[in-house]
Amino acid sequence: MTDLFHPDGDSELAQRAGRGDKAAFTLLVQKYQTPIYSFAMHFFRAPDIAEDVAQETFLRAYRFLHSYDSSRRFVTWLYSIARNICIDRHREKQRKDGVAIDDVPPHLLSSDNPEFDPLGLLERREAKRVLKDAVQELPEKYRTPIILCYMEGLSYQEVGEVLGISLNNTKIRIFRAKKMLLEQLGYLEEP
């Protein structure tokens, strides 16, 4: 029986996993481990932390499957868990005052690489770094919607579900986040 509200079957898989079907939960993990890891990478830019967040997300999801509301999309419920873990880890990281460093992989700097363009590579990396740094500077209230929408590809509706806010509030937060980014990057003059 396919759940009409969840045509991809995630809700049904989650319900089966909640009843102890480990194979159903394994399918959910396989489907969402890369998107959850990617979300955490956008949040922290540190593979080790992203792996920990993804693992903890699935552990919590498994532990709390009994509280999953099948009227909600499973993916938004899962991103909500990941978001909460990211917020906790971010606060913990701020207390420890840790810094993540982006290193250029050595093979990209090799002159044996036919696509070696050090100036172009540095310019692209710098542009990405500046944008990622600007996103990191946004308050969490605005950073998370931008990451979910533009880096994870969720729709405004799905972002709203993850954040537990209306579609209208989601649009407002994303609009304000874009405006803040443009101001930070010098494209808009602050009033």
Foldseek 3Di string as FASTA:
>chain_A
DADPLANVRLLVLLVVLLVPPVVSLVVVCVVCLVLQLQLLCLLAVDNVVSNVLSVVLSVVCSVCSVVDDSNDHPVLVSLLSSLVVSVVVVVVCVVVVDDDDDDDPPVQCDPVDPPNDPVVVVVVVVVVVLLSVLLNPDDSLQSSLCCCCPVSPDDLCSSCSNVVHDSVVSVVSPVVSVVSSCCSVPNDPDD
